[in-house]
Amino acid sequence: MIDVATLSVIRRWALREQMSIREIFRRTGLARNTVKKYLRAGDEEPRHAKRASSSKLDP
């Protein structure tokens, strides 16, 4: 999973600067399919896994 800053850079390059997917994956070092996946997702932010921590109230 990529961080939110990298995701915003990918979107800016693709939408505002009309950069090709090939150029984006060369500059970021991510796989071409990863770049496509995040561009197809639209405005959806990446989901983070929930922390698996115990509560103080658990026995």
Protein backbone atom coordinates (compact mmCIF):
# COMPACT_ATOMS: atom_id res chain seq x y z
CA MET A 1 0.00 0.00 0.00
CA ILE A 2 1.28 3.48 -0.83
CA ASP A 3 1.06 6.50 1.39
CA VAL A 4 -1.32 9.40 0.86
CA ALA A 5 1.42 11.79 -0.28
CA THR A 6 2.50 9.48 -3.10
CA LEU A 7 -1.12 9.00 -4.10
CA SER A 8 -1.65 12.75 -4.37
CA VAL A 9 1.49 13.10 -6.51
CA ILE A 10 0.29 10.34 -8.85
CA ARG A 11 -3.12 11.97 -9.22
CA ARG A 12 -1.62 15.43 -9.80
CA TRP A 13 0.74 14.16 -12.50
CA ALA A 14 -2.01 12.22 -14.25
CA LEU A 15 -4.83 14.75 -14.05
CA ARG A 16 -3.26 18.20 -14.03
CA GLU A 17 -0.03 17.64 -15.91
CA GLN A 18 -1.45 14.99 -18.30
CA MET A 19 1.54 12.73 -17.69
CA SER A 20 1.36 9.21 -19.10
CA ILE A 21 1.16 6.16 -16.86
CA ARG A 22 4.49 5.00 -18.25
CA GLU A 23 6.20 8.21 -17.15
CA ILE A 24 4.54 8.10 -13.72
CA PHE A 25 5.68 4.55 -12.99
CA ARG A 26 9.21 5.41 -14.15
CA ARG A 27 9.40 8.40 -11.81
CA THR A 28 7.81 6.75 -8.78
CA GLY A 29 9.30 3.28 -9.11
CA LEU A 30 5.88 1.69 -8.61
CA ALA A 31 4.54 -1.00 -10.90
CA ARG A 32 2.48 0.12 -13.89
CA ASN A 33 -0.53 -1.86 -12.70
CA THR A 34 -0.33 -0.24 -9.25
CA VAL A 35 -0.45 3.22 -10.80
CA LYS A 36 -3.45 2.20 -12.92
CA LYS A 37 -5.24 0.75 -9.90
CA TYR A 38 -4.95 3.93 -7.87
CA LEU A 39 -5.95 6.14 -10.80
CA ARG A 40 -9.05 4.02 -11.45
CA ALA A 41 -10.06 4.23 -7.78
CA GLY A 42 -10.97 7.90 -8.24
CA ASP A 43 -11.38 9.97 -5.07
CA GLU A 44 -11.28 6.95 -2.81
CA GLU A 45 -8.54 7.24 -0.19
CA PRO A 46 -6.41 4.20 0.65
CA ARG A 47 -7.74 2.17 3.55
CA HIS A 48 -5.55 1.50 6.51
CA ALA A 49 -5.71 -1.69 8.52
CA LYS A 50 -7.19 -1.41 11.98
CA ARG A 51 -4.81 -1.77 14.87
CA ALA A 52 -5.15 -5.02 16.71
CA SER A 53 -4.56 -3.86 20.24
CA SER A 54 -6.21 -5.06 23.37
CA SER A 55 -8.27 -2.87 25.61
CA LYS A 56 -7.45 -2.19 29.23
CA LEU A 57 -10.84 -3.62 30.07
CA ASP A 58 -10.13 -7.02 28.50
CA PRO A 59 -9.39 -9.80 30.99
